[in-house]
Amino acid sequence: MTELIPPLPAGARTGAYTLTLSCPDRPGIVHAVSASLVAAEGNITESAQYGSPETGSFFMRVEFTSPRSYEQVHSELSAVAGGFSMSWQLHRAGQRVRTLIMASKSGHCLNDLLFQQRAGTLPVEIPAIVSNHRDLEPLAEFYGVPFHHIPVTPETKQQAEDHLRALMAELDIELVVLARYMQILSNELCADLSGRAINIHHSFLPSFKGARPYHQAHARGVKLIGATAHYVTSDLDEGPIIEQEVIRVDHARSAAQLAALGSDVEGRALSKAVQWHAEHRVLLDGMRTIVFN
């Protein structure tokens, strides 16, 4: 009887893998990982590592190829991981991350993500868009992505999040992107999505947190405005920062003009953060990120 081999996930490349790991820093980690890859007939094609002097942690990301099966490679690495108390993940390289995008009324970040996904430059699969308004439904229809209207009020917030949780489970969502979604998630949902929800904030954090940051920046007469892509936490606009972009402005710009100029940097920062997360280039070091970009 012939054993049926399950199909590779969308985008995954046969025999190509990405390994990410973190552990307490000590001598011999790179040697041990390399030796386990040799035992798995692995050929390293890209490697990056960092030892944090602040936390004493070691971080590593390796891309490699191997003729061995995923299970065989995983078994070789497991033996090493235990000896170094590693937190680690093995991914099939190129596998597209199933991503749910949430937005409210501003569509520039959503459009950037949808366009790049369609063009094949963003390694994600977008099975759904969620919004608390209907303004962006035509944009979703244009790209052929199912649109889910989940209105939110203070009275219905719990029901709305329950609906969102059910949708995420149904669609096997791995990453949530808040592309100018102008609602604050509950502490419970933030905890559930820890390390797998990315938000774009339209300021160069830690400056000008909260609402109307362009107006805050204009009132202070700043000469640089920016955008910050960060992981979502229960502390508003305090999550680990993945990427930031800036643009120079001057005293003649109004708050509305700052907002218009900022739209472009918001899209760039968010797209990079999503790409790097989907390529497993971002590792958490407490409230900081290690980004092997």
C-alpha atoms as a PDB file:
ATOM      1  CA  MET A   1       0.000   0.000   0.000  1.00  0.00           C
ATOM      2  CA  THR A   2       1.429   3.363  -1.023  1.00  0.00           C
ATOM      3  CA  GLU A   3       1.500   5.985   1.730  1.00  0.00           C
ATOM      4  CA  LEU A   4      -0.088   9.259   0.649  1.00  0.00           C
ATOM      5  CA  ILE A   5       2.234  12.235   1.147  1.00  0.00           C
ATOM      6  CA  PRO A   6       0.320  15.418   2.132  1.00  0.00           C
ATOM      7  CA  PRO A   7       0.761  18.335  -0.271  1.00  0.00           C
ATOM      8  CA  LEU A   8       3.169  21.089   0.665  1.00  0.00           C
ATOM      9  CA  PRO A   9       1.584  24.221   2.151  1.00  0.00           C
ATOM     10  CA  ALA A  10       1.005  27.116  -0.246  1.00  0.00           C
ATOM     11  CA  GLY A  11       4.307  28.533  -1.489  1.00  0.00           C
ATOM     12  CA  ALA A  12       6.553  26.080   0.366  1.00  0.00           C
ATOM     13  CA  ARG A  13       9.667  24.914  -1.473  1.00  0.00           C
ATOM     14  CA  THR A  14      10.577  21.222  -1.446  1.00  0.00           C
ATOM     15  CA  GLY A  15      13.687  20.563   0.657  1.00  0.00           C
ATOM     16  CA  ALA A  16      14.121  24.187   1.792  1.00  0.00           C
ATOM     17  CA  TYR A  17      13.800  25.162   5.448  1.00  0.00           C
ATOM     18  CA  THR A  18      14.125  28.110   7.811  1.00  0.00           C
ATOM     19  CA  LEU A  19      15.249  27.569  11.403  1.00  0.00           C
ATOM     20  CA  THR A  20      14.844  30.231  14.091  1.00  0.00           C
ATOM     21  CA  LEU A  21      15.980  29.859  17.684  1.00  0.00           C
ATOM     22  CA  SER A  22      16.761  31.658  20.897  1.00  0.00           C
ATOM     23  CA  CYS A  23      18.413  30.428  24.090  1.00  0.00           C
ATOM     24  CA  PRO A  24      20.745  31.527  26.873  1.00  0.00           C
ATOM     25  CA  ASP A  25      24.035  32.550  25.279  1.00  0.00           C
ATOM     26  CA  ARG A  26      26.970  30.200  25.794  1.00  0.00           C
ATOM     27  CA  PRO A  27      29.870  28.823  23.747  1.00  0.00           C
ATOM     28  CA  GLY A  28      29.229  26.109  21.164  1.00  0.00           C
ATOM     29  CA  ILE A  29      25.721  26.960  19.998  1.00  0.00           C
ATOM     30  CA  VAL A  30      26.598  27.700  16.376  1.00  0.00           C
ATOM     31  CA  HIS A  31      28.847  24.645  16.197  1.00  0.00           C
ATOM     32  CA  ALA A  32      26.136  22.377  17.588  1.00  0.00           C
ATOM     33  CA  VAL A  33      23.451  23.708  15.252  1.00  0.00           C
ATOM     34  CA  SER A  34      25.766  23.415  12.256  1.00  0.00           C
ATOM     35  CA  ALA A  35      26.658  19.852  13.205  1.00  0.00           C
ATOM     36  CA  SER A  36      23.001  18.861  13.443  1.00  0.00           C
ATOM     37  CA  LEU A  37      22.377  20.337   9.997  1.00  0.00           C
ATOM     38  CA  VAL A  38      25.332  18.385   8.623  1.00  0.00           C
ATOM     39  CA  ALA A  39      23.816  15.247  10.127  1.00  0.00           C
ATOM     40  CA  ALA A  40      20.606  16.102   8.273  1.00  0.00           C
ATOM     41  CA  GLU A  41      22.603  16.553   5.012  1.00  0.00           C
ATOM     42  CA  GLY A  42      21.800  20.247   5.202  1.00  0.00           C
ATOM     43  CA  ASN A  43      23.417  22.958   3.095  1.00  0.00           C
ATOM     44  CA  ILE A  44      23.261  26.407   4.725  1.00  0.00           C
ATOM     45  CA  THR A  45      22.290  29.158   2.267  1.00  0.00           C
ATOM     46  CA  GLU A  46      21.835  32.054   4.723  1.00  0.00           C
ATOM     47  CA  SER A  47      22.707  32.484   8.374  1.00  0.00           C
ATOM     48  CA  ALA A  48      22.523  35.315  10.926  1.00  0.00           C
ATOM     49  CA  GLN A  49      23.022  35.410  14.674  1.00  0.00           C
ATOM     50  CA  TYR A  50      23.094  37.877  17.552  1.00  0.00           C
ATOM     51  CA  GLY A  51      24.023  37.700  21.201  1.00  0.00           C
ATOM     52  CA  SER A  52      22.245  40.286  23.373  1.00  0.00           C
ATOM     53  CA  PRO A  53      24.563  41.770  26.013  1.00  0.00           C
ATOM     54  CA  GLU A  54      21.528  43.191  27.852  1.00  0.00           C
ATOM     55  CA  THR A  55      19.562  39.967  28.287  1.00  0.00           C
ATOM     56  CA  GLY A  56      22.265  37.341  27.818  1.00  0.00           C
ATOM     57  CA  SER A  57      20.207  35.659  25.108  1.00  0.00           C
ATOM     58  CA  PHE A  58      21.392  34.263  21.787  1.00  0.00           C
ATOM     59  CA  PHE A  59      19.336  34.473  18.588  1.00  0.00           C
ATOM     60  CA  MET A  60      19.854  32.698  15.280  1.00  0.00           C
ATOM     61  CA  ARG A  61      18.118  32.338  11.939  1.00  0.00           C
ATOM     62  CA  VAL A  62      19.302  29.824   9.335  1.00  0.00           C
ATOM     63  CA  GLU A  63      18.040  29.046   5.841  1.00  0.00           C
ATOM     64  CA  PHE A  64      19.168  25.690   4.467  1.00  0.00           C
ATOM     65  CA  THR A  65      18.297  22.921   2.069  1.00  0.00           C
ATOM     66  CA  SER A  66      18.204  19.209   2.799  1.00  0.00           C
ATOM     67  CA  PRO A  67      17.048  16.068   0.960  1.00  0.00           C
ATOM     68  CA  ARG A  68      15.668  14.790   4.277  1.00  0.00           C
ATOM     69  CA  SER A  69      11.984  15.044   5.181  1.00  0.00           C
ATOM     70  CA  TYR A  70      10.693  17.716   7.530  1.00  0.00           C
ATOM     71  CA  GLU A  71      10.231  15.105  10.249  1.00  0.00           C
ATOM     72  CA  GLN A  72      13.812  13.835   9.881  1.00  0.00           C
ATOM     73  CA  VAL A  73      15.291  17.330   9.998  1.00  0.00           C
ATOM     74  CA  HIS A  74      13.120  18.202  13.001  1.00  0.00           C
ATOM     75  CA  SER A  75      14.316  15.102  14.820  1.00  0.00           C
ATOM     76  CA  GLU A  76      18.001  15.985  14.275  1.00  0.00           C
ATOM     77  CA  LEU A  77      17.479  19.494  15.611  1.00  0.00           C
ATOM     78  CA  SER A  78      15.428  18.350  18.620  1.00  0.00           C
ATOM     79  CA  ALA A  79      18.417  16.581  20.121  1.00  0.00           C
ATOM     80  CA  VAL A  80      20.478  19.770  20.013  1.00  0.00           C
ATOM     81  CA  ALA A  81      17.679  22.068  21.157  1.00  0.00           C
ATOM     82  CA  GLY A  82      17.178  20.221  24.423  1.00  0.00           C
ATOM     83  CA  GLY A  83      20.827  20.486  25.395  1.00  0.00           C
ATOM     84  CA  PHE A  84      20.819  24.277  25.032  1.00  0.00           C
ATOM     85  CA  SER A  85      17.305  24.983  26.391  1.00  0.00           C
ATOM     86  CA  MET A  86      16.324  26.449  23.030  1.00  0.00           C
ATOM     87  CA  SER A  87      13.044  27.975  22.006  1.00  0.00           C
ATOM     88  CA  TRP A  88      12.999  27.104  18.322  1.00  0.00           C
ATOM     89  CA  GLN A  89      10.884  26.676  15.214  1.00  0.00           C
ATOM     90  CA  LEU A  90      11.468  24.893  11.929  1.00  0.00           C
ATOM     91  CA  HIS A  91       9.551  26.211   8.914  1.00  0.00           C
ATOM     92  CA  ARG A  92       9.289  25.081   5.345  1.00  0.00           C
ATOM     93  CA  ALA A  93      10.884  27.971   3.445  1.00  0.00           C
ATOM     94  CA  GLY A  94       8.585  29.993   1.233  1.00  0.00           C
ATOM     95  CA  GLN A  95       5.403  28.871   2.977  1.00  0.00           C
ATOM     96  CA  ARG A  96       2.887  31.718   2.792  1.00  0.00           C
ATOM     97  CA  VAL A  97       1.535  32.845   6.138  1.00  0.00           C
ATOM     98  CA  ARG A  98      -2.263  32.921   6.393  1.00  0.00           C
ATOM     99  CA  THR A  99      -2.999  36.521   7.267  1.00  0.00           C
ATOM    100  CA  LEU A 100      -6.186  38.316   8.260  1.00  0.00           C
ATOM    101  CA  ILE A 101      -6.168  42.075   7.676  1.00  0.00           C
ATOM    102  CA  MET A 102      -8.276  44.440   9.743  1.00  0.00           C
ATOM    103  CA  ALA A 103      -8.976  48.036   8.704  1.00  0.00           C
ATOM    104  CA  SER A 104     -11.541  50.751   9.348  1.00  0.00           C
ATOM    105  CA  LYS A 105     -11.964  53.563   6.808  1.00  0.00           C
ATOM    106  CA  SER A 106      -8.449  54.438   5.565  1.00  0.00           C
ATOM    107  CA  GLY A 107      -7.488  52.080   2.761  1.00  0.00           C
ATOM    108  CA  HIS A 108      -3.903  53.001   1.858  1.00  0.00           C
ATOM    109  CA  CYS A 109      -2.198  50.379   4.042  1.00  0.00           C
ATOM    110  CA  LEU A 110      -4.732  47.714   3.102  1.00  0.00           C
ATOM    111  CA  ASN A 111      -4.274  48.475  -0.592  1.00  0.00           C
ATOM    112  CA  ASP A 112      -0.478  48.236  -0.287  1.00  0.00           C
ATOM    113  CA  LEU A 113      -0.699  44.806   1.327  1.00  0.00           C
ATOM    114  CA  LEU A 114      -3.257  43.471  -1.141  1.00  0.00           C
ATOM    115  CA  PHE A 115      -1.304  44.747  -4.145  1.00  0.00           C
ATOM    116  CA  GLN A 116       1.989  43.272  -2.946  1.00  0.00           C
ATOM    117  CA  GLN A 117       0.346  39.961  -2.114  1.00  0.00           C
ATOM    118  CA  ARG A 118      -1.177  39.779  -5.590  1.00  0.00           C
ATOM    119  CA  ALA A 119       2.157  40.737  -7.161  1.00  0.00           C
ATOM    120  CA  GLY A 120       3.883  37.911  -5.302  1.00  0.00           C
ATOM    121  CA  THR A 121       6.290  40.161  -3.393  1.00  0.00           C
ATOM    122  CA  LEU A 122       4.698  39.564   0.006  1.00  0.00           C
ATOM    123  CA  PRO A 123       4.811  35.943   1.270  1.00  0.00           C
ATOM    124  CA  VAL A 124       1.327  35.916   2.767  1.00  0.00           C
ATOM    125  CA  GLU A 125      -2.038  34.426   1.877  1.00  0.00           C
ATOM    126  CA  ILE A 126      -4.981  36.714   2.684  1.00  0.00           C
ATOM    127  CA  PRO A 127      -8.233  34.739   3.053  1.00  0.00           C
ATOM    128  CA  ALA A 128     -10.242  37.569   4.641  1.00  0.00           C
ATOM    129  CA  ILE A 129     -10.513  41.261   5.448  1.00  0.00           C
ATOM    130  CA  VAL A 130     -12.367  42.409   8.560  1.00  0.00           C
ATOM    131  CA  SER A 131     -13.664  45.927   9.136  1.00  0.00           C
ATOM    132  CA  ASN A 132     -15.925  47.707  11.571  1.00  0.00           C
ATOM    133  CA  HIS A 133     -17.195  49.833   8.636  1.00  0.00           C
ATOM    134  CA  ARG A 134     -18.227  49.077   5.052  1.00  0.00           C
ATOM    135  CA  ASP A 135     -16.138  51.796   3.387  1.00  0.00           C
ATOM    136  CA  LEU A 136     -13.428  49.380   2.207  1.00  0.00           C
ATOM    137  CA  GLU A 137     -15.723  46.648   0.927  1.00  0.00           C
ATOM    138  CA  PRO A 138     -15.310  47.755  -2.742  1.00  0.00           C
ATOM    139  CA  LEU A 139     -11.519  47.529  -2.372  1.00  0.00           C
ATOM    140  CA  ALA A 140     -11.816  43.985  -1.050  1.00  0.00           C
ATOM    141  CA  GLU A 141     -14.123  43.083  -3.937  1.00  0.00           C
ATOM    142  CA  PHE A 142     -11.616  44.504  -6.433  1.00  0.00           C
ATOM    143  CA  TYR A 143      -8.924  42.149  -5.130  1.00  0.00           C
ATOM    144  CA  GLY A 144     -11.343  39.247  -4.761  1.00  0.00           C
ATOM    145  CA  VAL A 145     -10.837  38.847  -1.015  1.00  0.00           C
ATOM    146  CA  PRO A 146     -13.863  38.019   1.193  1.00  0.00           C
ATOM    147  CA  PHE A 147     -14.940  41.027   3.272  1.00  0.00           C
ATOM    148  CA  HIS A 148     -16.412  40.603   6.756  1.00  0.00           C
ATOM    149  CA  HIS A 149     -18.230  43.512   8.354  1.00  0.00           C
ATOM    150  CA  ILE A 150     -18.014  43.210  12.132  1.00  0.00           C
ATOM    151  CA  PRO A 151     -19.349  46.421  13.702  1.00  0.00           C
ATOM    152  CA  VAL A 152     -18.032  47.358  17.140  1.00  0.00           C
ATOM    153  CA  THR A 153     -19.674  49.426  19.859  1.00  0.00           C
ATOM    154  CA  PRO A 154     -18.887  49.529  23.578  1.00  0.00           C
ATOM    155  CA  GLU A 155     -21.943  47.332  24.136  1.00  0.00           C
ATOM    156  CA  THR A 156     -21.072  44.776  21.427  1.00  0.00           C
ATOM    157  CA  LYS A 157     -17.279  44.651  21.764  1.00  0.00           C
ATOM    158  CA  GLN A 158     -17.264  41.193  23.359  1.00  0.00           C
ATOM    159  CA  GLN A 159     -19.586  39.729  20.723  1.00  0.00           C
ATOM    160  CA  ALA A 160     -17.502  41.311  17.966  1.00  0.00           C
ATOM    161  CA  GLU A 161     -14.304  39.760  19.320  1.00  0.00           C
ATOM    162  CA  ASP A 162     -16.022  36.387  19.711  1.00  0.00           C
ATOM    163  CA  HIS A 163     -17.033  36.643  16.037  1.00  0.00           C
ATOM    164  CA  LEU A 164     -13.449  37.521  15.132  1.00  0.00           C
ATOM    165  CA  ARG A 165     -12.057  34.567  17.105  1.00  0.00           C
ATOM    166  CA  ALA A 166     -14.447  32.177  15.373  1.00  0.00           C
ATOM    167  CA  LEU A 167     -13.475  33.528  11.963  1.00  0.00           C
ATOM    168  CA  MET A 168      -9.760  33.192  12.735  1.00  0.00           C
ATOM    169  CA  ALA A 169     -10.244  29.590  13.824  1.00  0.00           C
ATOM    170  CA  GLU A 170     -12.322  28.758  10.759  1.00  0.00           C
ATOM    171  CA  LEU A 171      -9.738  30.244   8.388  1.00  0.00           C
ATOM    172  CA  ASP A 172      -6.671  28.900  10.255  1.00  0.00           C
ATOM    173  CA  ILE A 173      -5.229  32.399  10.639  1.00  0.00           C
ATOM    174  CA  GLU A 174      -1.572  32.653  11.638  1.00  0.00           C
ATOM    175  CA  LEU A 175      -1.087  36.440  11.554  1.00  0.00           C
ATOM    176  CA  VAL A 176      -3.392  39.419  12.136  1.00  0.00           C
ATOM    177  CA  VAL A 177      -2.486  42.807  10.654  1.00  0.00           C
ATOM    178  CA  LEU A 178      -4.140  45.985  11.907  1.00  0.00           C
ATOM    179  CA  ALA A 179      -3.887  48.162   8.800  1.00  0.00           C
ATOM    180  CA  ARG A 180      -5.277  51.359  10.338  1.00  0.00           C
ATOM    181  CA  TYR A 181      -7.942  49.498  12.301  1.00  0.00           C
ATOM    182  CA  MET A 182      -9.186  52.203  14.623  1.00  0.00           C
ATOM    183  CA  GLN A 183     -10.418  50.035  17.481  1.00  0.00           C
ATOM    184  CA  ILE A 184      -8.566  48.977  20.619  1.00  0.00           C
ATOM    185  CA  LEU A 185      -8.462  45.208  21.119  1.00  0.00           C
ATOM    186  CA  SER A 186      -9.291  43.792  24.533  1.00  0.00           C
ATOM    187  CA  ASN A 187      -6.481  42.725  26.856  1.00  0.00           C
ATOM    188  CA  GLU A 188      -7.589  39.100  26.467  1.00  0.00           C
ATOM    189  CA  LEU A 189      -7.429  39.190  22.681  1.00  0.00           C
ATOM    190  CA  CYS A 190      -4.069  40.974  22.766  1.00  0.00           C
ATOM    191  CA  ALA A 191      -2.718  38.196  24.989  1.00  0.00           C
ATOM    192  CA  ASP A 192      -4.073  35.495  22.681  1.00  0.00           C
ATOM    193  CA  LEU A 193      -2.439  37.192  19.673  1.00  0.00           C
ATOM    194  CA  SER A 194       0.896  37.844  21.375  1.00  0.00           C
ATOM    195  CA  GLY A 195       3.685  37.813  18.795  1.00  0.00           C
ATOM    196  CA  ARG A 196       1.308  37.298  15.869  1.00  0.00           C
ATOM    197  CA  ALA A 197      -0.535  40.597  15.505  1.00  0.00           C
ATOM    198  CA  ILE A 198       1.091  43.630  13.878  1.00  0.00           C
ATOM    199  CA  ASN A 199      -0.194  47.202  14.121  1.00  0.00           C
ATOM    200  CA  ILE A 200       0.802  50.329  12.212  1.00  0.00           C
ATOM    201  CA  HIS A 201       0.837  53.508  14.278  1.00  0.00           C
ATOM    202  CA  HIS A 202       1.033  56.765  12.392  1.00  0.00           C
ATOM    203  CA  SER A 203       3.840  58.341  14.369  1.00  0.00           C
ATOM    204  CA  PHE A 204       7.489  57.708  15.141  1.00  0.00           C
ATOM    205  CA  LEU A 205       7.015  55.973  18.483  1.00  0.00           C
ATOM    206  CA  PRO A 206       7.580  56.506  21.352  1.00  0.00           C
ATOM    207  CA  SER A 207       6.532  60.052  20.418  1.00  0.00           C
ATOM    208  CA  PHE A 208       2.874  61.018  19.936  1.00  0.00           C
ATOM    209  CA  LYS A 209       1.087  57.915  21.139  1.00  0.00           C
ATOM    210  CA  GLY A 210      -2.674  57.537  21.034  1.00  0.00           C
ATOM    211  CA  ALA A 211      -5.142  59.444  18.882  1.00  0.00           C
ATOM    212  CA  ARG A 212      -4.479  62.184  16.294  1.00  0.00           C
ATOM    213  CA  PRO A 213      -0.651  61.842  16.294  1.00  0.00           C
ATOM    214  CA  TYR A 214      -0.218  64.036  13.192  1.00  0.00           C
ATOM    215  CA  HIS A 215      -2.050  66.835  14.971  1.00  0.00           C
ATOM    216  CA  GLN A 216       0.149  66.293  18.025  1.00  0.00           C
ATOM    217  CA  ALA A 217       3.242  66.448  15.812  1.00  0.00           C
ATOM    218  CA  HIS A 218       2.021  69.590  14.046  1.00  0.00           C
ATOM    219  CA  ALA A 219       1.394  71.308  17.379  1.00  0.00           C
ATOM    220  CA  ARG A 220       4.996  70.574  18.396  1.00  0.00           C
ATOM    221  CA  GLY A 221       6.433  71.817  15.106  1.00  0.00           C
ATOM    222  CA  VAL A 222       8.348  68.622  14.342  1.00  0.00           C
ATOM    223  CA  LYS A 223      10.675  68.415  11.347  1.00  0.00           C
ATOM    224  CA  LEU A 224      10.344  64.667  10.927  1.00  0.00           C
ATOM    225  CA  ILE A 225       7.189  62.586  10.927  1.00  0.00           C
ATOM    226  CA  GLY A 226       7.077  58.831  10.739  1.00  0.00           C
ATOM    227  CA  ALA A 227       5.245  55.568  11.186  1.00  0.00           C
ATOM    228  CA  THR A 228       5.902  52.584  13.430  1.00  0.00           C
ATOM    229  CA  ALA A 229       4.987  48.948  12.823  1.00  0.00           C
ATOM    230  CA  HIS A 230       4.942  47.021  16.081  1.00  0.00           C
ATOM    231  CA  TYR A 231       3.525  43.919  17.681  1.00  0.00           C
ATOM    232  CA  VAL A 232       0.210  44.391  19.458  1.00  0.00           C
ATOM    233  CA  THR A 233       0.154  44.273  23.264  1.00  0.00           C
ATOM    234  CA  SER A 234      -2.403  45.273  25.877  1.00  0.00           C
ATOM    235  CA  ASP A 235      -0.392  48.470  26.465  1.00  0.00           C
ATOM    236  CA  LEU A 236      -1.547  50.819  23.699  1.00  0.00           C
ATOM    237  CA  ASP A 237       1.231  51.666  21.214  1.00  0.00           C
ATOM    238  CA  GLU A 238       3.858  50.098  23.508  1.00  0.00           C
ATOM    239  CA  GLY A 239       4.465  46.796  21.696  1.00  0.00           C
ATOM    240  CA  PRO A 240       7.892  45.644  20.435  1.00  0.00           C
ATOM    241  CA  ILE A 241       8.867  47.730  17.403  1.00  0.00           C
ATOM    242  CA  ILE A 242       9.570  45.896  14.139  1.00  0.00           C
ATOM    243  CA  GLU A 243      10.115  48.720  11.645  1.00  0.00           C
ATOM    244  CA  GLN A 244       9.971  52.523  11.419  1.00  0.00           C
ATOM    245  CA  GLU A 245       9.979  54.960   8.496  1.00  0.00           C
ATOM    246  CA  VAL A 246      10.334  58.765   8.486  1.00  0.00           C
ATOM    247  CA  ILE A 247       9.926  61.698   6.122  1.00  0.00           C
ATOM    248  CA  ARG A 248      11.140  65.302   6.532  1.00  0.00           C
ATOM    249  CA  VAL A 249       8.592  68.127   6.805  1.00  0.00           C
ATOM    250  CA  ASP A 250       8.707  71.854   7.553  1.00  0.00           C
ATOM    251  CA  HIS A 251       6.765  74.585   9.304  1.00  0.00           C
ATOM    252  CA  ALA A 252       4.586  75.325   6.257  1.00  0.00           C
ATOM    253  CA  ARG A 253       2.776  71.980   6.381  1.00  0.00           C
ATOM    254  CA  SER A 254      -0.662  71.768   7.934  1.00  0.00           C
ATOM    255  CA  ALA A 255      -1.756  68.844  10.088  1.00  0.00           C
ATOM    256  CA  ALA A 256      -3.816  67.542   7.158  1.00  0.00           C
ATOM    257  CA  GLN A 257      -0.784  67.729   4.881  1.00  0.00           C
ATOM    258  CA  LEU A 258       1.310  65.842   7.445  1.00  0.00           C
ATOM    259  CA  ALA A 259      -1.325  63.106   7.467  1.00  0.00           C
ATOM    260  CA  ALA A 260      -1.296  62.921   3.657  1.00  0.00           C
ATOM    261  CA  LEU A 261       2.504  62.718   3.541  1.00  0.00           C
ATOM    262  CA  GLY A 262       2.492  60.126   6.296  1.00  0.00           C
ATOM    263  CA  SER A 263       0.289  57.724   4.368  1.00  0.00           C
ATOM    264  CA  ASP A 264       3.215  56.606   2.220  1.00  0.00           C
ATOM    265  CA  VAL A 265       5.568  55.929   5.122  1.00  0.00           C
ATOM    266  CA  GLU A 266       2.815  54.044   6.945  1.00  0.00           C
ATOM    267  CA  GLY A 267       2.408  51.676   4.020  1.00  0.00           C
ATOM    268  CA  ARG A 268       6.156  51.108   3.659  1.00  0.00           C
ATOM    269  CA  ALA A 269       6.738  50.425   7.343  1.00  0.00           C
ATOM    270  CA  LEU A 270       3.804  48.029   7.617  1.00  0.00           C
ATOM    271  CA  SER A 271       4.656  46.107   4.439  1.00  0.00           C
ATOM    272  CA  LYS A 272       8.250  45.574   5.584  1.00  0.00           C
ATOM    273  CA  ALA A 273       7.145  44.420   9.019  1.00  0.00           C
ATOM    274  CA  VAL A 274       4.667  41.934   7.559  1.00  0.00           C
ATOM    275  CA  GLN A 275       7.257  40.627   5.098  1.00  0.00           C
ATOM    276  CA  TRP A 276       9.923  40.146   7.747  1.00  0.00           C
ATOM    277  CA  HIS A 277       7.477  38.431  10.094  1.00  0.00           C
ATOM    278  CA  ALA A 278       6.264  36.126   7.308  1.00  0.00           C
ATOM    279  CA  GLU A 279       9.878  35.270   6.448  1.00  0.00           C
ATOM    280  CA  HIS A 280      10.565  34.476  10.130  1.00  0.00           C
ATOM    281  CA  ARG A 281      13.129  37.252  10.408  1.00  0.00           C
ATOM    282  CA  VAL A 282      11.761  38.771  13.619  1.00  0.00           C
ATOM    283  CA  LEU A 283      12.557  37.303  17.044  1.00  0.00           C
ATOM    284  CA  LEU A 284      11.380  38.739  20.349  1.00  0.00           C
ATOM    285  CA  ASP A 285      13.840  39.750  23.054  1.00  0.00           C
ATOM    286  CA  GLY A 286      11.550  40.913  25.833  1.00  0.00           C
ATOM    287  CA  MET A 287      10.114  44.252  24.713  1.00  0.00           C
ATOM    288  CA  ARG A 288      12.656  44.537  21.893  1.00  0.00           C
ATOM    289  CA  THR A 289      12.884  42.746  18.565  1.00  0.00           C
ATOM    290  CA  ILE A 290      15.820  41.176  16.804  1.00  0.00           C
ATOM    291  CA  VAL A 291      15.232  41.663  13.060  1.00  0.00           C
ATOM    292  CA  PHE A 292      17.486  39.667  10.698  1.00  0.00           C
ATOM    293  CA  ASN A 293      16.620  41.662   7.591  1.00  0.00           C
END
